[in-house]
Amino acid sequence: MTSNNEAEAFNHGRDQHYAHADRYERAAEFAEVVTGLWDSWDDDAFIRDKDSGIYYDPGKMHVLNHRGKHFAVRGPLNVARSPQGRPVLVQAGASDTGRALAARMAELVFTAQTTFEQAKAFYSDVIEQLPRYGRARDAVKILPGLYPVVGRTEVEAREKFDFLQSLIHPSVGIAVLEHTIGVPNLSQYPLDGPVPEMGDTNGPLSRQRLLLEAARRDKLTLWELCLLNAGPRGHLLTVGTPGQIADVMEHWFLNGAADGFNVMPAWLPGSLNDFVDMVIPELQRRGLFRTEYLGTTLRENLGLPKPPSRWTSVSMVAQ
């Protein structure tokens, strides 16, 4: 819906991608349609009584009849309502329109920030917008991306990271940066020169701004920006011992920058194994991570409330 890949338009009957604001408008309507379809049936609509021959209660089926600017969908959906009410809605995007969509509809928000200050500002902005859409604070979890490189010692962690960085070929580094920020033809610029000035992209706008801000702030060359981006892709890079990485996560979690993290292993399966075997026990020791799952659905284990059907209040009034 809000893809930052311009070429995807060619697979959906279009000659060019929607403009940034337009695709978020379309995404909001699409999400309204999908959540409406997920409420096609009450939780107890399917009786499945073989003796009486009654499979479902027609009075507990709801037809959406959506007709909007971008979609016309009658419904109903041909499957029962999910045990968790509906699948968890996940959104990623940090532009102004992306933040507004997150506050309006998302339950998990994936975001990319490289500093605590950036993450806290993003977090506060989304949370402060929730009342505008009639949503409670516990309805949303914000998860910044975390790119951890873990070692038993700081030296070991740094050696791992340096080795990973040494594997990045210049052509790959440039290609990945072009994709991440939505700007083509960066190979025309010298790698050891400054990052060129560039206008806003119609692709990944927030990621472009984030990386260009880092380049200006730290006075990076184009190749240094390629290296910064090739692994973390604009997310939080942490290189160190389990304790050092847990320190960063704890600081962000306890001080209004994150409700959790979208962990992005540097390589698979080794980096994920390092995180599970070394960082998770440290987080558990600090009381920051569960030792067992308490629920049976993803929603329960994320600590998100089960959303009521949009038809519940209508049924109550009818009674």
C-alpha atoms as a PDB file:
ATOM      1  CA  MET A   1       0.000   0.000   0.000  1.00  0.00           C
ATOM      2  CA  THR A   2       2.661   2.508   1.015  1.00  0.00           C
ATOM      3  CA  SER A   3       5.592   0.750  -0.609  1.00  0.00           C
ATOM      4  CA  ASN A   4       8.666   2.894  -1.163  1.00  0.00           C
ATOM      5  CA  ASN A   5       9.589   0.857  -4.249  1.00  0.00           C
ATOM      6  CA  GLU A   6       8.571   2.886  -7.292  1.00  0.00           C
ATOM      7  CA  ALA A   7       8.801  -0.151  -9.604  1.00  0.00           C
ATOM      8  CA  GLU A   8       5.998  -1.981  -7.776  1.00  0.00           C
ATOM      9  CA  ALA A   9       3.489   0.291  -9.511  1.00  0.00           C
ATOM     10  CA  PHE A  10       4.145  -1.653 -12.721  1.00  0.00           C
ATOM     11  CA  ASN A  11       2.683  -4.791 -11.138  1.00  0.00           C
ATOM     12  CA  HIS A  12      -0.565  -3.063 -10.190  1.00  0.00           C
ATOM     13  CA  GLY A  13      -1.799  -1.588 -13.452  1.00  0.00           C
ATOM     14  CA  ARG A  14      -0.047   1.757 -13.076  1.00  0.00           C
ATOM     15  CA  ASP A  15       2.616   3.557 -15.085  1.00  0.00           C
ATOM     16  CA  GLN A  16       4.024   5.305 -12.024  1.00  0.00           C
ATOM     17  CA  HIS A  17       3.824   5.122  -8.258  1.00  0.00           C
ATOM     18  CA  TYR A  18       1.247   7.056  -6.274  1.00  0.00           C
ATOM     19  CA  ALA A  19       2.523  10.299  -4.779  1.00  0.00           C
ATOM     20  CA  HIS A  20       3.629  10.008  -1.154  1.00  0.00           C
ATOM     21  CA  ALA A  21       0.531  11.594   0.422  1.00  0.00           C
ATOM     22  CA  ASP A  22      -1.849   9.826  -1.973  1.00  0.00           C
ATOM     23  CA  ARG A  23      -0.576   6.368  -1.179  1.00  0.00           C
ATOM     24  CA  TYR A  24      -1.029   6.959   2.549  1.00  0.00           C
ATOM     25  CA  GLU A  25      -4.586   8.141   1.934  1.00  0.00           C
ATOM     26  CA  ARG A  26      -5.212   4.959  -0.059  1.00  0.00           C
ATOM     27  CA  ALA A  27      -3.566   2.852   2.652  1.00  0.00           C
ATOM     28  CA  ALA A  28      -5.852   4.280   5.335  1.00  0.00           C
ATOM     29  CA  GLU A  29      -8.930   3.364   3.305  1.00  0.00           C
ATOM     30  CA  PHE A  30      -7.512  -0.080   2.522  1.00  0.00           C
ATOM     31  CA  ALA A  31      -6.964  -0.719   6.232  1.00  0.00           C
ATOM     32  CA  GLU A  32     -10.528   0.392   6.963  1.00  0.00           C
ATOM     33  CA  VAL A  33     -11.792  -2.133   4.412  1.00  0.00           C
ATOM     34  CA  VAL A  34      -9.670  -4.983   5.744  1.00  0.00           C
ATOM     35  CA  THR A  35     -10.532  -4.384   9.399  1.00  0.00           C
ATOM     36  CA  GLY A  36     -14.189  -4.123   8.422  1.00  0.00           C
ATOM     37  CA  LEU A  37     -14.037  -7.469   6.634  1.00  0.00           C
ATOM     38  CA  TRP A  38     -12.352  -9.046   9.653  1.00  0.00           C
ATOM     39  CA  ASP A  39     -15.485  -8.067  11.616  1.00  0.00           C
ATOM     40  CA  SER A  40     -17.812  -9.863   9.176  1.00  0.00           C
ATOM     41  CA  TRP A  41     -18.782 -12.403  11.823  1.00  0.00           C
ATOM     42  CA  ASP A  42     -19.467 -12.168  15.551  1.00  0.00           C
ATOM     43  CA  ASP A  43     -17.217 -14.321  17.720  1.00  0.00           C
ATOM     44  CA  ASP A  44     -20.007 -16.871  18.312  1.00  0.00           C
ATOM     45  CA  ALA A  45     -21.595 -16.764  14.849  1.00  0.00           C
ATOM     46  CA  PHE A  46     -20.583 -20.299  13.830  1.00  0.00           C
ATOM     47  CA  ILE A  47     -22.729 -22.799  15.717  1.00  0.00           C
ATOM     48  CA  ARG A  48     -21.751 -25.886  13.684  1.00  0.00           C
ATOM     49  CA  ASP A  49     -24.534 -28.014  15.231  1.00  0.00           C
ATOM     50  CA  LYS A  50     -24.784 -31.261  13.272  1.00  0.00           C
ATOM     51  CA  ASP A  51     -27.993 -32.412  15.002  1.00  0.00           C
ATOM     52  CA  SER A  52     -29.977 -29.300  14.076  1.00  0.00           C
ATOM     53  CA  GLY A  53     -28.186 -28.769  10.791  1.00  0.00           C
ATOM     54  CA  ILE A  54     -27.433 -25.156  11.733  1.00  0.00           C
ATOM     55  CA  TYR A  55     -23.971 -24.070  10.677  1.00  0.00           C
ATOM     56  CA  TYR A  56     -24.108 -20.387  11.542  1.00  0.00           C
ATOM     57  CA  ASP A  57     -26.480 -17.729  12.839  1.00  0.00           C
ATOM     58  CA  PRO A  58     -27.359 -15.367   9.945  1.00  0.00           C
ATOM     59  CA  GLY A  59     -28.097 -12.605  12.455  1.00  0.00           C
ATOM     60  CA  LYS A  60     -24.443 -12.616  13.456  1.00  0.00           C
ATOM     61  CA  MET A  61     -23.125 -12.013   9.953  1.00  0.00           C
ATOM     62  CA  HIS A  62     -22.397  -8.436   8.857  1.00  0.00           C
ATOM     63  CA  VAL A  63     -22.031  -7.129   5.314  1.00  0.00           C
ATOM     64  CA  LEU A  64     -19.499  -4.318   4.984  1.00  0.00           C
ATOM     65  CA  ASN A  65     -20.845  -2.539   1.886  1.00  0.00           C
ATOM     66  CA  HIS A  66     -17.850  -0.222   1.696  1.00  0.00           C
ATOM     67  CA  ARG A  67     -17.769   2.329  -1.111  1.00  0.00           C
ATOM     68  CA  GLY A  68     -14.984   4.906  -0.945  1.00  0.00           C
ATOM     69  CA  LYS A  69     -12.596   6.903  -3.064  1.00  0.00           C
ATOM     70  CA  HIS A  70     -10.247   3.993  -3.773  1.00  0.00           C
ATOM     71  CA  PHE A  71     -12.208   0.802  -3.030  1.00  0.00           C
ATOM     72  CA  ALA A  72     -15.687  -0.664  -3.317  1.00  0.00           C
ATOM     73  CA  VAL A  73     -16.063  -3.892  -1.325  1.00  0.00           C
ATOM     74  CA  ARG A  74     -19.338  -5.572  -0.392  1.00  0.00           C
ATOM     75  CA  GLY A  75     -18.228  -8.492   1.787  1.00  0.00           C
ATOM     76  CA  PRO A  76     -18.666 -10.455   3.958  1.00  0.00           C
ATOM     77  CA  LEU A  77     -15.378 -12.276   4.483  1.00  0.00           C
ATOM     78  CA  ASN A  78     -15.688 -16.044   4.053  1.00  0.00           C
ATOM     79  CA  VAL A  79     -13.787 -16.994   7.242  1.00  0.00           C
ATOM     80  CA  ALA A  80     -14.651 -16.709  10.918  1.00  0.00           C
ATOM     81  CA  ARG A  81     -13.377 -13.896  13.120  1.00  0.00           C
ATOM     82  CA  SER A  82      -9.857 -14.529  14.408  1.00  0.00           C
ATOM     83  CA  PRO A  83      -9.361 -15.826  17.978  1.00  0.00           C
ATOM     84  CA  GLN A  84      -7.379 -12.620  18.603  1.00  0.00           C
ATOM     85  CA  GLY A  85     -10.136 -10.455  17.105  1.00  0.00           C
ATOM     86  CA  ARG A  86      -8.075  -9.665  14.050  1.00  0.00           C
ATOM     87  CA  PRO A  87      -4.449  -9.982  12.945  1.00  0.00           C
ATOM     88  CA  VAL A  88      -2.091  -7.405  14.432  1.00  0.00           C
ATOM     89  CA  LEU A  89      -1.822  -4.282  12.261  1.00  0.00           C
ATOM     90  CA  VAL A  90       1.819  -3.330  11.650  1.00  0.00           C
ATOM     91  CA  GLN A  91       2.941  -0.030  10.092  1.00  0.00           C
ATOM     92  CA  ALA A  92       6.367   1.285   9.129  1.00  0.00           C
ATOM     93  CA  GLY A  93       7.076   4.854   8.098  1.00  0.00           C
ATOM     94  CA  ALA A  94       8.263   7.967   9.894  1.00  0.00           C
ATOM     95  CA  SER A  95       7.156  10.822   7.637  1.00  0.00           C
ATOM     96  CA  ASP A  96       4.396  13.109   8.909  1.00  0.00           C
ATOM     97  CA  THR A  97       1.776  11.161   6.953  1.00  0.00           C
ATOM     98  CA  GLY A  98       3.292   7.876   8.131  1.00  0.00           C
ATOM     99  CA  ARG A  99       3.126   8.952  11.772  1.00  0.00           C
ATOM    100  CA  ALA A 100      -0.485  10.048  11.383  1.00  0.00           C
ATOM    101  CA  LEU A 101      -1.404   6.679   9.854  1.00  0.00           C
ATOM    102  CA  ALA A 102       0.405   4.906  12.704  1.00  0.00           C
ATOM    103  CA  ALA A 103      -1.521   6.873  15.322  1.00  0.00           C
ATOM    104  CA  ARG A 104      -4.797   6.284  13.509  1.00  0.00           C
ATOM    105  CA  MET A 105      -4.602   2.554  12.772  1.00  0.00           C
ATOM    106  CA  ALA A 106      -1.372   0.744  13.691  1.00  0.00           C
ATOM    107  CA  GLU A 107      -0.920  -1.577  16.648  1.00  0.00           C
ATOM    108  CA  LEU A 108       2.785  -2.212  16.074  1.00  0.00           C
ATOM    109  CA  VAL A 109       4.912   0.587  14.644  1.00  0.00           C
ATOM    110  CA  PHE A 110       8.289  -0.297  13.139  1.00  0.00           C
ATOM    111  CA  THR A 111      10.555   2.727  12.930  1.00  0.00           C
ATOM    112  CA  ALA A 112      14.177   3.614  12.233  1.00  0.00           C
ATOM    113  CA  GLN A 113      16.226   6.005  14.330  1.00  0.00           C
ATOM    114  CA  THR A 114      19.944   6.148  14.998  1.00  0.00           C
ATOM    115  CA  THR A 115      19.901   8.242  18.193  1.00  0.00           C
ATOM    116  CA  PHE A 116      17.940   8.209  21.428  1.00  0.00           C
ATOM    117  CA  GLU A 117      16.813  11.802  20.873  1.00  0.00           C
ATOM    118  CA  GLN A 118      15.354  10.974  17.443  1.00  0.00           C
ATOM    119  CA  ALA A 119      13.593   7.901  18.805  1.00  0.00           C
ATOM    120  CA  LYS A 120      12.110   9.740  21.777  1.00  0.00           C
ATOM    121  CA  ALA A 121      10.794  12.546  19.553  1.00  0.00           C
ATOM    122  CA  PHE A 122       9.177  10.035  17.186  1.00  0.00           C
ATOM    123  CA  TYR A 123       7.712   8.052  20.082  1.00  0.00           C
ATOM    124  CA  SER A 124       6.232  11.126  21.746  1.00  0.00           C
ATOM    125  CA  ASP A 125       4.760  12.420  18.490  1.00  0.00           C
ATOM    126  CA  VAL A 126       2.897   9.188  17.709  1.00  0.00           C
ATOM    127  CA  ILE A 127       1.642   8.728  21.275  1.00  0.00           C
ATOM    128  CA  GLU A 128       0.423  12.322  21.509  1.00  0.00           C
ATOM    129  CA  GLN A 129      -1.649  11.842  18.338  1.00  0.00           C
ATOM    130  CA  LEU A 130      -3.572   8.812  19.665  1.00  0.00           C
ATOM    131  CA  PRO A 131      -6.379  10.791  21.381  1.00  0.00           C
ATOM    132  CA  ARG A 132      -7.111  12.552  18.083  1.00  0.00           C
ATOM    133  CA  TYR A 133      -8.283   9.197  16.747  1.00  0.00           C
ATOM    134  CA  GLY A 134     -10.020   8.064  19.929  1.00  0.00           C
ATOM    135  CA  ARG A 135      -7.366   5.502  20.769  1.00  0.00           C
ATOM    136  CA  ALA A 136      -6.016   4.455  24.161  1.00  0.00           C
ATOM    137  CA  ARG A 137      -2.318   4.422  25.020  1.00  0.00           C
ATOM    138  CA  ASP A 138      -2.197   0.620  25.347  1.00  0.00           C
ATOM    139  CA  ALA A 139      -3.419   0.164  21.771  1.00  0.00           C
ATOM    140  CA  VAL A 140       0.003   0.791  20.203  1.00  0.00           C
ATOM    141  CA  LYS A 141       3.532  -0.560  20.675  1.00  0.00           C
ATOM    142  CA  ILE A 142       6.445   1.301  19.064  1.00  0.00           C
ATOM    143  CA  LEU A 143       9.432  -0.845  18.089  1.00  0.00           C
ATOM    144  CA  PRO A 144      12.573   0.805  16.683  1.00  0.00           C
ATOM    145  CA  GLY A 145      14.843  -1.371  14.578  1.00  0.00           C
ATOM    146  CA  LEU A 146      17.921  -2.720  16.404  1.00  0.00           C
ATOM    147  CA  TYR A 147      20.975  -4.058  14.546  1.00  0.00           C
ATOM    148  CA  PRO A 148      23.079  -5.868  17.192  1.00  0.00           C
ATOM    149  CA  VAL A 149      26.581  -7.256  16.751  1.00  0.00           C
ATOM    150  CA  VAL A 150      27.338  -9.171  19.955  1.00  0.00           C
ATOM    151  CA  GLY A 151      30.633 -10.470  21.330  1.00  0.00           C
ATOM    152  CA  ARG A 152      31.718 -11.948  24.627  1.00  0.00           C
ATOM    153  CA  THR A 153      34.088  -9.001  24.828  1.00  0.00           C
ATOM    154  CA  GLU A 154      33.952  -5.568  23.234  1.00  0.00           C
ATOM    155  CA  VAL A 155      37.023  -6.423  21.152  1.00  0.00           C
ATOM    156  CA  GLU A 156      35.377  -9.586  19.815  1.00  0.00           C
ATOM    157  CA  ALA A 157      32.207  -7.656  18.908  1.00  0.00           C
ATOM    158  CA  ARG A 158      34.208  -4.984  17.099  1.00  0.00           C
ATOM    159  CA  GLU A 159      36.156  -7.617  15.160  1.00  0.00           C
ATOM    160  CA  LYS A 160      32.896  -9.217  14.036  1.00  0.00           C
ATOM    161  CA  PHE A 161      31.518  -5.891  12.900  1.00  0.00           C
ATOM    162  CA  ASP A 162      34.699  -4.874  11.087  1.00  0.00           C
ATOM    163  CA  PHE A 163      34.730  -8.202   9.261  1.00  0.00           C
ATOM    164  CA  LEU A 164      31.113  -7.756   8.150  1.00  0.00           C
ATOM    165  CA  GLN A 165      31.854  -4.248   6.919  1.00  0.00           C
ATOM    166  CA  SER A 166      34.897  -5.484   4.977  1.00  0.00           C
ATOM    167  CA  LEU A 167      32.638  -7.758   2.912  1.00  0.00           C
ATOM    168  CA  ILE A 168      30.681  -4.841   1.420  1.00  0.00           C
ATOM    169  CA  HIS A 169      31.684  -4.370  -2.216  1.00  0.00           C
ATOM    170  CA  PRO A 170      31.507  -0.747  -3.438  1.00  0.00           C
ATOM    171  CA  SER A 171      28.940  -1.563  -6.142  1.00  0.00           C
ATOM    172  CA  VAL A 172      26.764  -3.311  -3.563  1.00  0.00           C
ATOM    173  CA  GLY A 173      27.137  -0.486  -1.049  1.00  0.00           C
ATOM    174  CA  ILE A 174      26.054   2.062  -3.638  1.00  0.00           C
ATOM    175  CA  ALA A 175      23.144  -0.083  -4.878  1.00  0.00           C
ATOM    176  CA  VAL A 176      21.851  -0.656  -1.346  1.00  0.00           C
ATOM    177  CA  LEU A 177      22.056   3.055  -0.536  1.00  0.00           C
ATOM    178  CA  GLU A 178      20.210   3.955  -3.761  1.00  0.00           C
ATOM    179  CA  HIS A 179      17.418   1.559  -2.800  1.00  0.00           C
ATOM    180  CA  THR A 180      17.274   2.689   0.830  1.00  0.00           C
ATOM    181  CA  ILE A 181      16.955   6.396   0.072  1.00  0.00           C
ATOM    182  CA  GLY A 182      15.178   6.127  -3.281  1.00  0.00           C
ATOM    183  CA  VAL A 183      17.782   8.096  -5.252  1.00  0.00           C
ATOM    184  CA  PRO A 184      19.371   6.558  -8.404  1.00  0.00           C
ATOM    185  CA  ASN A 185      22.722   7.091 -10.124  1.00  0.00           C
ATOM    186  CA  LEU A 186      24.830   7.705  -7.020  1.00  0.00           C
ATOM    187  CA  SER A 187      27.738   5.912  -8.702  1.00  0.00           C
ATOM    188  CA  GLN A 188      28.448   9.099 -10.682  1.00  0.00           C
ATOM    189  CA  TYR A 189      29.821  10.714  -7.500  1.00  0.00           C
ATOM    190  CA  PRO A 190      33.277   9.990  -5.998  1.00  0.00           C
ATOM    191  CA  LEU A 191      33.073   7.569  -3.092  1.00  0.00           C
ATOM    192  CA  ASP A 192      35.619   9.555  -1.074  1.00  0.00           C
ATOM    193  CA  GLY A 193      33.803  12.836  -1.701  1.00  0.00           C
ATOM    194  CA  PRO A 194      30.960  14.473   0.248  1.00  0.00           C
ATOM    195  CA  VAL A 195      27.388  13.173   0.114  1.00  0.00           C
ATOM    196  CA  PRO A 196      25.685  15.118  -2.706  1.00  0.00           C
ATOM    197  CA  GLU A 197      22.731  17.406  -2.122  1.00  0.00           C
ATOM    198  CA  MET A 198      19.457  15.838  -3.199  1.00  0.00           C
ATOM    199  CA  GLY A 199      15.777  16.690  -3.122  1.00  0.00           C
ATOM    200  CA  ASP A 200      13.024  14.696  -1.425  1.00  0.00           C
ATOM    201  CA  THR A 201      12.274  11.329  -2.985  1.00  0.00           C
ATOM    202  CA  ASN A 202       8.822   9.946  -3.765  1.00  0.00           C
ATOM    203  CA  GLY A 203      10.129   6.693  -2.340  1.00  0.00           C
ATOM    204  CA  PRO A 204      11.369   6.143   1.244  1.00  0.00           C
ATOM    205  CA  LEU A 205      11.173   9.771   2.340  1.00  0.00           C
ATOM    206  CA  SER A 206      11.709   9.379   6.092  1.00  0.00           C
ATOM    207  CA  ARG A 207      14.662   6.998   5.624  1.00  0.00           C
ATOM    208  CA  GLN A 208      16.247   9.369   3.123  1.00  0.00           C
ATOM    209  CA  ARG A 209      15.993  12.285   5.543  1.00  0.00           C
ATOM    210  CA  LEU A 210      17.319  10.191   8.427  1.00  0.00           C
ATOM    211  CA  LEU A 211      20.438   9.065   6.575  1.00  0.00           C
ATOM    212  CA  LEU A 212      21.180  12.457   5.031  1.00  0.00           C
ATOM    213  CA  GLU A 213      20.872  14.044   8.462  1.00  0.00           C
ATOM    214  CA  ALA A 214      23.413  11.521   9.805  1.00  0.00           C
ATOM    215  CA  ALA A 215      25.751  12.291   6.882  1.00  0.00           C
ATOM    216  CA  ARG A 216      25.609  16.022   7.544  1.00  0.00           C
ATOM    217  CA  ARG A 217      25.893  15.645  11.305  1.00  0.00           C
ATOM    218  CA  ASP A 218      28.922  13.344  11.191  1.00  0.00           C
ATOM    219  CA  LYS A 219      30.467  14.853   8.017  1.00  0.00           C
ATOM    220  CA  LEU A 220      30.466  11.466   6.229  1.00  0.00           C
ATOM    221  CA  THR A 221      31.832  10.779   2.785  1.00  0.00           C
ATOM    222  CA  LEU A 222      29.577   8.977   0.327  1.00  0.00           C
ATOM    223  CA  TRP A 223      31.362   5.678   1.000  1.00  0.00           C
ATOM    224  CA  GLU A 224      31.088   6.148   4.757  1.00  0.00           C
ATOM    225  CA  LEU A 225      27.350   6.674   4.305  1.00  0.00           C
ATOM    226  CA  CYS A 226      27.218   3.499   2.212  1.00  0.00           C
ATOM    227  CA  LEU A 227      28.919   1.591   5.032  1.00  0.00           C
ATOM    228  CA  LEU A 228      26.619   3.110   7.649  1.00  0.00           C
ATOM    229  CA  ASN A 229      23.586   2.083   5.630  1.00  0.00           C
ATOM    230  CA  ALA A 230      24.582  -1.324   4.217  1.00  0.00           C
ATOM    231  CA  GLY A 231      23.939  -3.238   7.433  1.00  0.00           C
ATOM    232  CA  PRO A 232      21.681  -1.227   9.770  1.00  0.00           C
ATOM    233  CA  ARG A 233      19.782   0.560   6.933  1.00  0.00           C
ATOM    234  CA  GLY A 234      19.268   3.591   9.157  1.00  0.00           C
ATOM    235  CA  HIS A 235      18.361   1.622  12.294  1.00  0.00           C
ATOM    236  CA  LEU A 236      20.094   1.605  15.670  1.00  0.00           C
ATOM    237  CA  LEU A 237      23.548   0.007  15.429  1.00  0.00           C
ATOM    238  CA  THR A 238      24.850  -1.560  18.637  1.00  0.00           C
ATOM    239  CA  VAL A 239      28.251  -3.256  18.782  1.00  0.00           C
ATOM    240  CA  GLY A 240      29.410  -4.660  22.109  1.00  0.00           C
ATOM    241  CA  THR A 241      28.996  -7.151  24.906  1.00  0.00           C
ATOM    242  CA  PRO A 242      25.602  -8.486  26.014  1.00  0.00           C
ATOM    243  CA  GLY A 243      25.672  -6.039  28.908  1.00  0.00           C
ATOM    244  CA  GLN A 244      26.470  -3.058  26.695  1.00  0.00           C
ATOM    245  CA  ILE A 245      23.693  -3.880  24.235  1.00  0.00           C
ATOM    246  CA  ALA A 246      21.241  -4.493  27.087  1.00  0.00           C
ATOM    247  CA  ASP A 247      22.224  -1.093  28.549  1.00  0.00           C
ATOM    248  CA  VAL A 248      21.192   0.653  25.328  1.00  0.00           C
ATOM    249  CA  MET A 249      17.929  -1.269  25.055  1.00  0.00           C
ATOM    250  CA  GLU A 250      17.083  -0.632  28.704  1.00  0.00           C
ATOM    251  CA  HIS A 251      17.773   3.095  28.364  1.00  0.00           C
ATOM    252  CA  TRP A 252      15.516   3.445  25.329  1.00  0.00           C
ATOM    253  CA  PHE A 253      12.800   1.247  26.875  1.00  0.00           C
ATOM    254  CA  LEU A 254      12.657   2.966  30.265  1.00  0.00           C
ATOM    255  CA  ASN A 255      12.961   6.537  29.005  1.00  0.00           C
ATOM    256  CA  GLY A 256      10.206   6.934  26.442  1.00  0.00           C
ATOM    257  CA  ALA A 257      11.893   5.918  23.201  1.00  0.00           C
ATOM    258  CA  ALA A 258      10.643   2.340  22.700  1.00  0.00           C
ATOM    259  CA  ASP A 259       8.098  -0.229  23.861  1.00  0.00           C
ATOM    260  CA  GLY A 260      10.356  -2.968  22.526  1.00  0.00           C
ATOM    261  CA  PHE A 261      12.608  -3.582  19.538  1.00  0.00           C
ATOM    262  CA  ASN A 262      12.469  -5.012  16.051  1.00  0.00           C
ATOM    263  CA  VAL A 263      15.700  -7.021  16.225  1.00  0.00           C
ATOM    264  CA  MET A 264      17.463  -7.190  12.852  1.00  0.00           C
ATOM    265  CA  PRO A 265      20.268  -9.795  12.913  1.00  0.00           C
ATOM    266  CA  ALA A 266      23.422  -8.827  11.037  1.00  0.00           C
ATOM    267  CA  TRP A 267      23.558 -12.298   9.485  1.00  0.00           C
ATOM    268  CA  LEU A 268      21.589 -15.518   9.828  1.00  0.00           C
ATOM    269  CA  PRO A 269      21.571 -17.675  11.761  1.00  0.00           C
ATOM    270  CA  GLY A 270      24.778 -16.694  13.596  1.00  0.00           C
ATOM    271  CA  SER A 271      23.877 -13.160  14.649  1.00  0.00           C
ATOM    272  CA  LEU A 272      20.411 -14.194  15.786  1.00  0.00           C
ATOM    273  CA  ASN A 273      21.893 -17.058  17.808  1.00  0.00           C
ATOM    274  CA  ASP A 274      24.340 -14.637  19.443  1.00  0.00           C
ATOM    275  CA  PHE A 275      21.485 -12.338  20.443  1.00  0.00           C
ATOM    276  CA  VAL A 276      19.310 -15.155  21.796  1.00  0.00           C
ATOM    277  CA  ASP A 277      22.139 -16.908  23.633  1.00  0.00           C
ATOM    278  CA  MET A 278      23.850 -13.832  25.095  1.00  0.00           C
ATOM    279  CA  VAL A 279      21.572 -10.760  25.156  1.00  0.00           C
ATOM    280  CA  ILE A 280      18.214 -12.359  26.025  1.00  0.00           C
ATOM    281  CA  PRO A 281      19.539 -13.936  29.271  1.00  0.00           C
ATOM    282  CA  GLU A 282      20.933 -10.538  30.281  1.00  0.00           C
ATOM    283  CA  LEU A 283      17.580  -8.871  29.617  1.00  0.00           C
ATOM    284  CA  GLN A 284      15.817 -11.609  31.598  1.00  0.00           C
ATOM    285  CA  ARG A 285      18.243 -11.123  34.490  1.00  0.00           C
ATOM    286  CA  ARG A 286      17.234  -7.452  34.551  1.00  0.00           C
ATOM    287  CA  GLY A 287      13.525  -8.303  34.482  1.00  0.00           C
ATOM    288  CA  LEU A 288      13.104  -6.750  31.033  1.00  0.00           C
ATOM    289  CA  PHE A 289      12.168  -9.841  29.032  1.00  0.00           C
ATOM    290  CA  ARG A 290       9.728 -12.683  29.665  1.00  0.00           C
ATOM    291  CA  THR A 291      10.853 -16.139  30.729  1.00  0.00           C
ATOM    292  CA  GLU A 292       7.730 -17.821  29.324  1.00  0.00           C
ATOM    293  CA  TYR A 293       4.810 -17.023  27.050  1.00  0.00           C
ATOM    294  CA  LEU A 294       1.595 -16.332  28.930  1.00  0.00           C
ATOM    295  CA  GLY A 295      -0.819 -16.152  25.997  1.00  0.00           C
ATOM    296  CA  THR A 296      -1.752 -18.297  23.026  1.00  0.00           C
ATOM    297  CA  THR A 297      -1.946 -15.561  20.381  1.00  0.00           C
ATOM    298  CA  LEU A 298       0.539 -13.038  19.034  1.00  0.00           C
ATOM    299  CA  ARG A 299      -1.683 -10.220  20.292  1.00  0.00           C
ATOM    300  CA  GLU A 300      -1.659 -11.548  23.861  1.00  0.00           C
ATOM    301  CA  ASN A 301       2.100 -12.020  23.900  1.00  0.00           C
ATOM    302  CA  LEU A 302       2.611  -8.466  22.623  1.00  0.00           C
ATOM    303  CA  GLY A 303       0.423  -7.125  25.423  1.00  0.00           C
ATOM    304  CA  LEU A 304      -2.111  -5.675  22.992  1.00  0.00           C
ATOM    305  CA  PRO A 305      -5.842  -5.639  23.797  1.00  0.00           C
ATOM    306  CA  LYS A 306      -8.286  -7.684  21.746  1.00  0.00           C
ATOM    307  CA  PRO A 307     -10.218  -5.205  19.585  1.00  0.00           C
ATOM    308  CA  PRO A 308     -14.007  -5.374  19.855  1.00  0.00           C
ATOM    309  CA  SER A 309     -15.987  -5.861  16.674  1.00  0.00           C
ATOM    310  CA  ARG A 310     -17.281  -2.640  15.158  1.00  0.00           C
ATOM    311  CA  TRP A 311     -20.731  -4.264  15.296  1.00  0.00           C
ATOM    312  CA  THR A 312     -20.685  -4.904  19.047  1.00  0.00           C
ATOM    313  CA  SER A 313     -22.065  -1.485  20.008  1.00  0.00           C
ATOM    314  CA  VAL A 314     -24.689  -1.750  17.240  1.00  0.00           C
ATOM    315  CA  SER A 315     -25.866  -5.094  18.598  1.00  0.00           C
ATOM    316  CA  MET A 316     -26.048  -3.735  22.139  1.00  0.00           C
ATOM    317  CA  VAL A 317     -28.172  -0.788  21.018  1.00  0.00           C
ATOM    318  CA  ALA A 318     -30.454  -3.108  19.044  1.00  0.00           C
ATOM    319  CA  GLN A 319     -31.105  -5.187  22.140  1.00  0.00           C
END
